[in-house]
Amino acid sequence: MQRLKLDQDIRPMSEFRTGIASFLKQVHDTKRPLIITQRGKGVAVLLDVGEYEAMQEKIELLEDVQTSISQIESGAGIEHNKAKAAVLKRVGR
């Protein structure tokens, strides 16, 4: 996801209502999120679908890493050689 540009990517709800199509095009073209404000406070974020899916995949990967770290810390991990042998056995090598 591209870094937010504060002068371009934060818009009040009133502007968003009147220019939805142009804001959708901006989000699609720039791959940057658009922050929508109401009474000066952020209330929503508009993201390109592809950027949202990529973000979800990254979150899932980070959750898997955190689960792995927790398992290792609790003693549930196995040695590299044993894990490698188990994987190779499963794939038939």
PDB file of N, CA and C in Angstrom:
ATOM      1  N   MET A   1       0.839  -1.164   0.000  1.00  0.00           N
ATOM      2  CA  MET A   1       0.000   0.000   0.000  1.00  0.00           C
ATOM      3  C   MET A   1       0.891   1.235   0.000  1.00  0.00           C
ATOM      4  N   GLN A   2       0.543   2.181  -0.795  1.00  0.00           N
ATOM      5  CA  GLN A   2       1.300   3.426  -0.862  1.00  0.00           C
ATOM      6  C   GLN A   2       1.080   4.241   0.405  1.00  0.00           C
ATOM      7  N   ARG A   3       2.062   5.065   0.735  1.00  0.00           N
ATOM      8  CA  ARG A   3       1.973   5.918   1.915  1.00  0.00           C
ATOM      9  C   ARG A   3       0.929   7.011   1.696  1.00  0.00           C
ATOM     10  N   LEU A   4       0.175   7.286   2.721  1.00  0.00           N
ATOM     11  CA  LEU A   4      -0.864   8.306   2.718  1.00  0.00           C
ATOM     12  C   LEU A   4      -0.254   9.688   2.492  1.00  0.00           C
ATOM     13  N   LYS A   5      -0.883  10.490   1.644  1.00  0.00           N
ATOM     14  CA  LYS A   5      -0.470  11.881   1.454  1.00  0.00           C
ATOM     15  C   LYS A   5      -1.531  12.745   2.116  1.00  0.00           C
ATOM     16  N   LEU A   6      -1.183  13.345   3.233  1.00  0.00           N
ATOM     17  CA  LEU A   6      -2.154  14.037   4.065  1.00  0.00           C
ATOM     18  C   LEU A   6      -2.911  15.140   3.330  1.00  0.00           C
ATOM     19  N   ASP A   7      -2.250  15.835   2.419  1.00  0.00           N
ATOM     20  CA  ASP A   7      -2.914  16.927   1.717  1.00  0.00           C
ATOM     21  C   ASP A   7      -3.852  16.450   0.615  1.00  0.00           C
ATOM     22  N   GLN A   8      -3.786  15.181   0.232  1.00  0.00           N
ATOM     23  CA  GLN A   8      -4.617  14.661  -0.849  1.00  0.00           C
ATOM     24  C   GLN A   8      -5.575  13.559  -0.412  1.00  0.00           C
ATOM     25  N   ASP A   9      -5.272  12.886   0.675  1.00  0.00           N
ATOM     26  CA  ASP A   9      -5.985  11.658   1.008  1.00  0.00           C
ATOM     27  C   ASP A   9      -6.854  11.738   2.254  1.00  0.00           C
ATOM     28  N   ILE A  10      -7.135  12.925   2.716  1.00  0.00           N
ATOM     29  CA  ILE A  10      -8.081  13.100   3.818  1.00  0.00           C
ATOM     30  C   ILE A  10      -9.154  14.064   3.327  1.00  0.00           C
ATOM     31  N   ARG A  11     -10.388  13.589   3.313  1.00  0.00           N
ATOM     32  CA  ARG A  11     -11.498  14.381   2.769  1.00  0.00           C
ATOM     33  C   ARG A  11     -12.699  14.360   3.706  1.00  0.00           C
ATOM     34  N   PRO A  12     -13.413  15.487   3.786  1.00  0.00           N
ATOM     35  CA  PRO A  12     -14.623  15.496   4.606  1.00  0.00           C
ATOM     36  C   PRO A  12     -15.758  14.718   3.921  1.00  0.00           C
ATOM     37  N   MET A  13     -16.684  14.243   4.735  1.00  0.00           N
ATOM     38  CA  MET A  13     -17.825  13.481   4.242  1.00  0.00           C
ATOM     39  C   MET A  13     -18.601  14.263   3.185  1.00  0.00           C
ATOM     40  N   SER A  14     -18.744  15.562   3.356  1.00  0.00           N
ATOM     41  CA  SER A  14     -19.510  16.366   2.399  1.00  0.00           C
ATOM     42  C   SER A  14     -18.893  16.308   1.000  1.00  0.00           C
ATOM     43  N   GLU A  15     -17.559  16.377   0.914  1.00  0.00           N
ATOM     44  CA  GLU A  15     -16.885  16.251  -0.388  1.00  0.00           C
ATOM     45  C   GLU A  15     -17.026  14.843  -0.937  1.00  0.00           C
ATOM     46  N   PHE A  16     -16.935  13.858  -0.066  1.00  0.00           N
ATOM     47  CA  PHE A  16     -17.045  12.461  -0.502  1.00  0.00           C
ATOM     48  C   PHE A  16     -18.420  12.204  -1.097  1.00  0.00           C
ATOM     49  N   ARG A  17     -19.469  12.697  -0.468  1.00  0.00           N
ATOM     50  CA  ARG A  17     -20.840  12.492  -0.978  1.00  0.00           C
ATOM     51  C   ARG A  17     -21.001  13.035  -2.391  1.00  0.00           C
ATOM     52  N   THR A  18     -20.429  14.195  -2.652  1.00  0.00           N
ATOM     53  CA  THR A  18     -20.625  14.824  -3.959  1.00  0.00           C
ATOM     54  C   THR A  18     -19.648  14.338  -5.023  1.00  0.00           C
ATOM     55  N   GLY A  19     -18.570  13.657  -4.598  1.00  0.00           N
ATOM     56  CA  GLY A  19     -17.569  13.249  -5.581  1.00  0.00           C
ATOM     57  C   GLY A  19     -17.151  11.802  -5.461  1.00  0.00           C
ATOM     58  N   ILE A  20     -18.099  10.927  -5.142  1.00  0.00           N
ATOM     59  CA  ILE A  20     -17.761   9.519  -4.903  1.00  0.00           C
ATOM     60  C   ILE A  20     -16.984   8.913  -6.064  1.00  0.00           C
ATOM     61  N   ALA A  21     -17.448   9.113  -7.282  1.00  0.00           N
ATOM     62  CA  ALA A  21     -16.792   8.499  -8.443  1.00  0.00           C
ATOM     63  C   ALA A  21     -15.334   8.940  -8.564  1.00  0.00           C
ATOM     64  N   SER A  22     -15.076  10.224  -8.363  1.00  0.00           N
ATOM     65  CA  SER A  22     -13.689  10.704  -8.486  1.00  0.00           C
ATOM     66  C   SER A  22     -12.818  10.161  -7.356  1.00  0.00           C
ATOM     67  N   PHE A  23     -13.382   9.999  -6.164  1.00  0.00           N
ATOM     68  CA  PHE A  23     -12.601   9.453  -5.060  1.00  0.00           C
ATOM     69  C   PHE A  23     -12.322   7.969  -5.265  1.00  0.00           C
ATOM     70  N   LEU A  24     -13.292   7.239  -5.799  1.00  0.00           N
ATOM     71  CA  LEU A  24     -13.047   5.831  -6.128  1.00  0.00           C
ATOM     72  C   LEU A  24     -11.932   5.713  -7.159  1.00  0.00           C
ATOM     73  N   LYS A  25     -11.947   6.585  -8.166  1.00  0.00           N
ATOM     74  CA  LYS A  25     -10.898   6.575  -9.190  1.00  0.00           C
ATOM     75  C   LYS A  25      -9.543   6.914  -8.566  1.00  0.00           C
ATOM     76  N   GLN A  26      -9.514   7.897  -7.680  1.00  0.00           N
ATOM     77  CA  GLN A  26      -8.261   8.274  -7.015  1.00  0.00           C
ATOM     78  C   GLN A  26      -7.683   7.101  -6.242  1.00  0.00           C
ATOM     79  N   VAL A  27      -8.518   6.415  -5.468  1.00  0.00           N
ATOM     80  CA  VAL A  27      -8.052   5.277  -4.668  1.00  0.00           C
ATOM     81  C   VAL A  27      -7.540   4.162  -5.573  1.00  0.00           C
ATOM     82  N   HIS A  28      -8.259   3.910  -6.658  1.00  0.00           N
ATOM     83  CA  HIS A  28      -7.842   2.864  -7.599  1.00  0.00           C
ATOM     84  C   HIS A  28      -6.522   3.227  -8.286  1.00  0.00           C
ATOM     85  N   ASP A  29      -6.406   4.462  -8.742  1.00  0.00           N
ATOM     86  CA  ASP A  29      -5.219   4.889  -9.490  1.00  0.00           C
ATOM     87  C   ASP A  29      -3.972   5.018  -8.624  1.00  0.00           C
ATOM     88  N   THR A  30      -4.127   5.556  -7.421  1.00  0.00           N
ATOM     89  CA  THR A  30      -2.956   5.822  -6.575  1.00  0.00           C
ATOM     90  C   THR A  30      -2.588   4.655  -5.673  1.00  0.00           C
ATOM     91  N   LYS A  31      -3.543   3.743  -5.438  1.00  0.00           N
ATOM     92  CA  LYS A  31      -3.362   2.618  -4.505  1.00  0.00           C
ATOM     93  C   LYS A  31      -3.144   3.106  -3.075  1.00  0.00           C
ATOM     94  N   ARG A  32      -3.518   4.365  -2.806  1.00  0.00           N
ATOM     95  CA  ARG A  32      -3.434   4.924  -1.463  1.00  0.00           C
ATOM     96  C   ARG A  32      -4.828   4.933  -0.840  1.00  0.00           C
ATOM     97  N   PRO A  33      -4.913   4.753   0.462  1.00  0.00           N
ATOM     98  CA  PRO A  33      -6.221   4.833   1.113  1.00  0.00           C
ATOM     99  C   PRO A  33      -6.715   6.269   1.161  1.00  0.00           C
ATOM    100  N   LEU A  34      -8.010   6.431   1.311  1.00  0.00           N
ATOM    101  CA  LEU A  34      -8.620   7.749   1.458  1.00  0.00           C
ATOM    102  C   LEU A  34      -9.297   7.777   2.819  1.00  0.00           C
ATOM    103  N   ILE A  35      -8.942   8.755   3.641  1.00  0.00           N
ATOM    104  CA  ILE A  35      -9.543   8.911   4.962  1.00  0.00           C
ATOM    105  C   ILE A  35     -10.725   9.862   4.812  1.00  0.00           C
ATOM    106  N   ILE A  36     -11.875   9.422   5.296  1.00  0.00           N
ATOM    107  CA  ILE A  36     -13.082  10.244   5.236  1.00  0.00           C
ATOM    108  C   ILE A  36     -13.354  10.750   6.642  1.00  0.00           C
ATOM    109  N   THR A  37     -13.554  12.065   6.755  1.00  0.00           N
ATOM    110  CA  THR A  37     -13.766  12.672   8.062  1.00  0.00           C
ATOM    111  C   THR A  37     -15.196  13.181   8.188  1.00  0.00           C
ATOM    112  N   GLN A  38     -15.616  13.287   9.438  1.00  0.00           N
ATOM    113  CA  GLN A  38     -16.918  13.876   9.745  1.00  0.00           C
ATOM    114  C   GLN A  38     -16.710  14.736  10.981  1.00  0.00           C
ATOM    115  N   ARG A  39     -17.035  16.005  10.854  1.00  0.00           N
ATOM    116  CA  ARG A  39     -16.803  16.973  11.933  1.00  0.00           C
ATOM    117  C   ARG A  39     -15.341  16.991  12.375  1.00  0.00           C
ATOM    118  N   GLY A  40     -14.449  16.826  11.408  1.00  0.00           N
ATOM    119  CA  GLY A  40     -13.023  16.918  11.674  1.00  0.00           C
ATOM    120  C   GLY A  40     -12.360  15.668  12.218  1.00  0.00           C
ATOM    121  N   LYS A  41     -13.123  14.597  12.362  1.00  0.00           N
ATOM    122  CA  LYS A  41     -12.551  13.352  12.886  1.00  0.00           C
ATOM    123  C   LYS A  41     -12.676  12.239  11.859  1.00  0.00           C
ATOM    124  N   GLY A  42     -11.646  11.388  11.775  1.00  0.00           N
ATOM    125  CA  GLY A  42     -11.682  10.263  10.855  1.00  0.00           C
ATOM    126  C   GLY A  42     -12.796   9.294  11.215  1.00  0.00           C
ATOM    127  N   VAL A  43     -13.625   8.910  10.215  1.00  0.00           N
ATOM    128  CA  VAL A  43     -14.731   7.983  10.463  1.00  0.00           C
ATOM    129  C   VAL A  43     -14.676   6.749   9.572  1.00  0.00           C
ATOM    130  N   ALA A  44     -13.909   6.812   8.478  1.00  0.00           N
ATOM    131  CA  ALA A  44     -13.848   5.672   7.568  1.00  0.00           C
ATOM    132  C   ALA A  44     -12.591   5.753   6.715  1.00  0.00           C
ATOM    133  N   VAL A  45     -12.232   4.586   6.172  1.00  0.00           N
ATOM    134  CA  VAL A  45     -11.088   4.503   5.264  1.00  0.00           C
ATOM    135  C   VAL A  45     -11.567   3.790   4.013  1.00  0.00           C
ATOM    136  N   LEU A  46     -11.306   4.371   2.852  1.00  0.00           N
ATOM    137  CA  LEU A  46     -11.651   3.763   1.571  1.00  0.00           C
ATOM    138  C   LEU A  46     -10.377   3.202   0.959  1.00  0.00           C
ATOM    139  N   LEU A  47     -10.392   1.888   0.660  1.00  0.00           N
ATOM    140  CA  LEU A  47      -9.216   1.214   0.109  1.00  0.00           C
ATOM    141  C   LEU A  47      -9.542   0.570  -1.224  1.00  0.00           C
ATOM    142  N   ASP A  48      -8.553   0.478  -2.089  1.00  0.00           N
ATOM    143  CA  ASP A  48      -8.654  -0.308  -3.303  1.00  0.00           C
ATOM    144  C   ASP A  48      -8.789  -1.776  -2.901  1.00  0.00           C
ATOM    145  N   VAL A  49      -9.613  -2.533  -3.600  1.00  0.00           N
ATOM    146  CA  VAL A  49      -9.860  -3.933  -3.256  1.00  0.00           C
ATOM    147  C   VAL A  49      -8.562  -4.744  -3.247  1.00  0.00           C
ATOM    148  N   GLY A  50      -7.728  -4.575  -4.242  1.00  0.00           N
ATOM    149  CA  GLY A  50      -6.464  -5.307  -4.307  1.00  0.00           C
ATOM    150  C   GLY A  50      -5.569  -4.985  -3.130  1.00  0.00           C
ATOM    151  N   GLU A  51      -5.533  -3.727  -2.736  1.00  0.00           N
ATOM    152  CA  GLU A  51      -4.722  -3.320  -1.590  1.00  0.00           C
ATOM    153  C   GLU A  51      -5.285  -3.910  -0.302  1.00  0.00           C
ATOM    154  N   TYR A  52      -6.608  -3.957  -0.188  1.00  0.00           N
ATOM    155  CA  TYR A  52      -7.237  -4.551   0.987  1.00  0.00           C
ATOM    156  C   TYR A  52      -6.894  -6.039   1.087  1.00  0.00           C
ATOM    157  N   GLU A  53      -7.006  -6.758  -0.038  1.00  0.00           N
ATOM    158  CA  GLU A  53      -6.689  -8.189  -0.038  1.00  0.00           C
ATOM    159  C   GLU A  53      -5.222  -8.431   0.325  1.00  0.00           C
ATOM    160  N   ALA A  54      -4.327  -7.620  -0.204  1.00  0.00           N
ATOM    161  CA  ALA A  54      -2.898  -7.754   0.120  1.00  0.00           C
ATOM    162  C   ALA A  54      -2.665  -7.510   1.611  1.00  0.00           C
ATOM    163  N   MET A  55      -3.360  -6.532   2.159  1.00  0.00           N
ATOM    164  CA  MET A  55      -3.229  -6.227   3.575  1.00  0.00           C
ATOM    165  C   MET A  55      -3.730  -7.399   4.430  1.00  0.00           C
ATOM    166  N   GLN A  56      -4.838  -8.005   4.033  1.00  0.00           N
ATOM    167  CA  GLN A  56      -5.378  -9.151   4.760  1.00  0.00           C
ATOM    168  C   GLN A  56      -4.402 -10.326   4.728  1.00  0.00           C
ATOM    169  N   GLU A  57      -3.774 -10.574   3.584  1.00  0.00           N
ATOM    170  CA  GLU A  57      -2.792 -11.656   3.472  1.00  0.00           C
ATOM    171  C   GLU A  57      -1.605 -11.416   4.396  1.00  0.00           C
ATOM    172  N   LYS A  58      -1.149 -10.169   4.471  1.00  0.00           N
ATOM    173  CA  LYS A  58      -0.029  -9.838   5.353  1.00  0.00           C
ATOM    174  C   LYS A  58      -0.409 -10.046   6.823  1.00  0.00           C
ATOM    175  N   ILE A  59      -1.619  -9.668   7.172  1.00  0.00           N
ATOM    176  CA  ILE A  59      -2.082  -9.851   8.549  1.00  0.00           C
ATOM    177  C   ILE A  59      -2.130 -11.336   8.892  1.00  0.00           C
ATOM    178  N   GLU A  60      -2.662 -12.152   7.983  1.00  0.00           N
ATOM    179  CA  GLU A  60      -2.723 -13.594   8.219  1.00  0.00           C
ATOM    180  C   GLU A  60      -1.331 -14.191   8.391  1.00  0.00           C
ATOM    181  N   LEU A  61      -0.387 -13.751   7.578  1.00  0.00           N
ATOM    182  CA  LEU A  61       0.986 -14.240   7.695  1.00  0.00           C
ATOM    183  C   LEU A  61       1.587 -13.845   9.044  1.00  0.00           C
ATOM    184  N   LEU A  62       1.377 -12.611   9.456  1.00  0.00           N
ATOM    185  CA  LEU A  62       1.891 -12.163  10.747  1.00  0.00           C
ATOM    186  C   LEU A  62       1.255 -12.937  11.901  1.00  0.00           C
ATOM    187  N   GLU A  63      -0.038 -13.257  11.773  1.00  0.00           N
ATOM    188  CA  GLU A  63      -0.694 -14.064  12.806  1.00  0.00           C
ATOM    189  C   GLU A  63      -0.078 -15.464  12.864  1.00  0.00           C
ATOM    190  N   ASP A  64       0.230 -16.051  11.698  1.00  0.00           N
ATOM    191  CA  ASP A  64       0.877 -17.361  11.662  1.00  0.00           C
ATOM    192  C   ASP A  64       2.252 -17.313  12.316  1.00  0.00           C
ATOM    193  N   VAL A  65       3.004 -16.258  12.048  1.00  0.00           N
ATOM    194  CA  VAL A  65       4.326 -16.102  12.656  1.00  0.00           C
ATOM    195  C   VAL A  65       4.187 -15.990  14.173  1.00  0.00           C
ATOM    196  N   GLN A  66       3.223 -15.192  14.630  1.00  0.00           N
ATOM    197  CA  GLN A  66       3.013 -15.032  16.075  1.00  0.00           C
ATOM    198  C   GLN A  66       2.615 -16.346  16.715  1.00  0.00           C
ATOM    199  N   THR A  67       1.763 -17.131  16.050  1.00  0.00           N
ATOM    200  CA  THR A  67       1.382 -18.447  16.572  1.00  0.00           C
ATOM    201  C   THR A  67       2.602 -19.347  16.676  1.00  0.00           C
ATOM    202  N   SER A  68       3.449 -19.318  15.656  1.00  0.00           N
ATOM    203  CA  SER A  68       4.675 -20.130  15.667  1.00  0.00           C
ATOM    204  C   SER A  68       5.595 -19.735  16.812  1.00  0.00           C
ATOM    205  N   ILE A  69       5.755 -18.457  17.018  1.00  0.00           N
ATOM    206  CA  ILE A  69       6.612 -17.978  18.110  1.00  0.00           C
ATOM    207  C   ILE A  69       6.060 -18.451  19.455  1.00  0.00           C
ATOM    208  N   SER A  70       4.755 -18.351  19.629  1.00  0.00           N
ATOM    209  CA  SER A  70       4.126 -18.799  20.885  1.00  0.00           C
ATOM    210  C   SER A  70       4.320 -20.290  21.098  1.00  0.00           C
ATOM    211  N   GLN A  71       4.183 -21.065  20.018  1.00  0.00           N
ATOM    212  CA  GLN A  71       4.362 -22.512  20.129  1.00  0.00           C
ATOM    213  C   GLN A  71       5.803 -22.854  20.505  1.00  0.00           C
ATOM    214  N   ILE A  72       6.756 -22.187  19.900  1.00  0.00           N
ATOM    215  CA  ILE A  72       8.168 -22.433  20.209  1.00  0.00           C
ATOM    216  C   ILE A  72       8.464 -22.071  21.661  1.00  0.00           C
ATOM    217  N   GLU A  73       7.942 -20.923  22.106  1.00  0.00           N
ATOM    218  CA  GLU A  73       8.182 -20.478  23.481  1.00  0.00           C
ATOM    219  C   GLU A  73       7.569 -21.427  24.501  1.00  0.00           C
ATOM    220  N   SER A  74       6.479 -22.109  24.124  1.00  0.00           N
ATOM    221  CA  SER A  74       5.822 -23.029  25.058  1.00  0.00           C
ATOM    222  C   SER A  74       6.401 -24.439  24.975  1.00  0.00           C
ATOM    223  N   GLY A  75       7.399 -24.625  24.116  1.00  0.00           N
ATOM    224  CA  GLY A  75       8.039 -25.926  23.996  1.00  0.00           C
ATOM    225  C   GLY A  75       7.360 -26.865  23.025  1.00  0.00           C
ATOM    226  N   ALA A  76       6.416 -26.372  22.238  1.00  0.00           N
ATOM    227  CA  ALA A  76       5.687 -27.223  21.300  1.00  0.00           C
ATOM    228  C   ALA A  76       6.389 -27.346  19.949  1.00  0.00           C
ATOM    229  N   GLY A  77       7.504 -26.678  19.774  1.00  0.00           N
ATOM    230  CA  GLY A  77       8.216 -26.735  18.501  1.00  0.00           C
ATOM    231  C   GLY A  77       9.004 -28.031  18.351  1.00  0.00           C
ATOM    232  N   ILE A  78       9.428 -28.298  17.118  1.00  0.00           N
ATOM    233  CA  ILE A  78      10.272 -29.469  16.865  1.00  0.00           C
ATOM    234  C   ILE A  78      11.539 -29.006  16.158  1.00  0.00           C
ATOM    235  N   GLU A  79      12.555 -29.824  16.234  1.00  0.00           N
ATOM    236  CA  GLU A  79      13.843 -29.482  15.620  1.00  0.00           C
ATOM    237  C   GLU A  79      13.710 -29.422  14.104  1.00  0.00           C
ATOM    238  N   HIS A  80      14.564 -28.624  13.497  1.00  0.00           N
ATOM    239  CA  HIS A  80      14.546 -28.417  12.046  1.00  0.00           C
ATOM    240  C   HIS A  80      14.641 -29.735  11.281  1.00  0.00           C
ATOM    241  N   ASN A  81      15.595 -30.575  11.647  1.00  0.00           N
ATOM    242  CA  ASN A  81      15.797 -31.846  10.923  1.00  0.00           C
ATOM    243  C   ASN A  81      14.561 -32.734  10.986  1.00  0.00           C
ATOM    244  N   LYS A  82      13.900 -32.779  12.150  1.00  0.00           N
ATOM    245  CA  LYS A  82      12.680 -33.583  12.280  1.00  0.00           C
ATOM    246  C   LYS A  82      11.547 -32.997  11.438  1.00  0.00           C
ATOM    247  N   ALA A  83      11.423 -31.682  11.439  1.00  0.00           N
ATOM    248  CA  ALA A  83      10.381 -31.032  10.639  1.00  0.00           C
ATOM    249  C   ALA A  83      10.622 -31.275   9.153  1.00  0.00           C
ATOM    250  N   LYS A  84      11.864 -31.147   8.728  1.00  0.00           N
ATOM    251  CA  LYS A  84      12.218 -31.376   7.320  1.00  0.00           C
ATOM    252  C   LYS A  84      11.901 -32.809   6.915  1.00  0.00           C
ATOM    253  N   ALA A  85      12.269 -33.761   7.743  1.00  0.00           N
ATOM    254  CA  ALA A  85      12.003 -35.179   7.443  1.00  0.00           C
ATOM    255  C   ALA A  85      10.500 -35.439   7.351  1.00  0.00           C
ATOM    256  N   ALA A  86       9.730 -34.835   8.246  1.00  0.00           N
ATOM    257  CA  ALA A  86       8.273 -35.026   8.229  1.00  0.00           C
ATOM    258  C   ALA A  86       7.656 -34.451   6.957  1.00  0.00           C
ATOM    259  N   VAL A  87       8.120 -33.287   6.544  1.00  0.00           N
ATOM    260  CA  VAL A  87       7.594 -32.660   5.322  1.00  0.00           C
ATOM    261  C   VAL A  87       7.959 -33.495   4.108  1.00  0.00           C
ATOM    262  N   LEU A  88       9.198 -33.919   4.017  1.00  0.00           N
ATOM    263  CA  LEU A  88       9.640 -34.720   2.875  1.00  0.00           C
ATOM    264  C   LEU A  88       8.882 -36.050   2.804  1.00  0.00           C
ATOM    265  N   LYS A  89       8.610 -36.624   3.958  1.00  0.00           N
ATOM    266  CA  LYS A  89       7.846 -37.864   3.991  1.00  0.00           C
ATOM    267  C   LYS A  89       6.427 -37.646   3.477  1.00  0.00           C
ATOM    268  N   ARG A  90       5.822 -36.521   3.834  1.00  0.00           N
ATOM    269  CA  ARG A  90       4.450 -36.211   3.390  1.00  0.00           C
ATOM    270  C   ARG A  90       4.366 -35.987   1.890  1.00  0.00           C
ATOM    271  N   VAL A  91       5.390 -35.396   1.315  1.00  0.00           N
ATOM    272  CA  VAL A  91       5.365 -35.126  -0.132  1.00  0.00           C
ATOM    273  C   VAL A  91       5.928 -36.273  -0.941  1.00  0.00           C
ATOM    274  N   GLY A  92       6.317 -37.339  -0.267  1.00  0.00           N
ATOM    275  CA  GLY A  92       6.749 -38.546  -0.963  1.00  0.00           C
ATOM    276  C   GLY A  92       8.161 -38.538  -1.475  1.00  0.00           C
ATOM    277  N   ARG A  93       9.048 -37.846  -0.824  1.00  0.00           N
ATOM    278  CA  ARG A  93      10.451 -37.813  -1.252  1.00  0.00           C
ATOM    279  C   ARG A  93      11.307 -38.628  -0.349  1.00  0.00           C
TER     280      ARG A  93
END
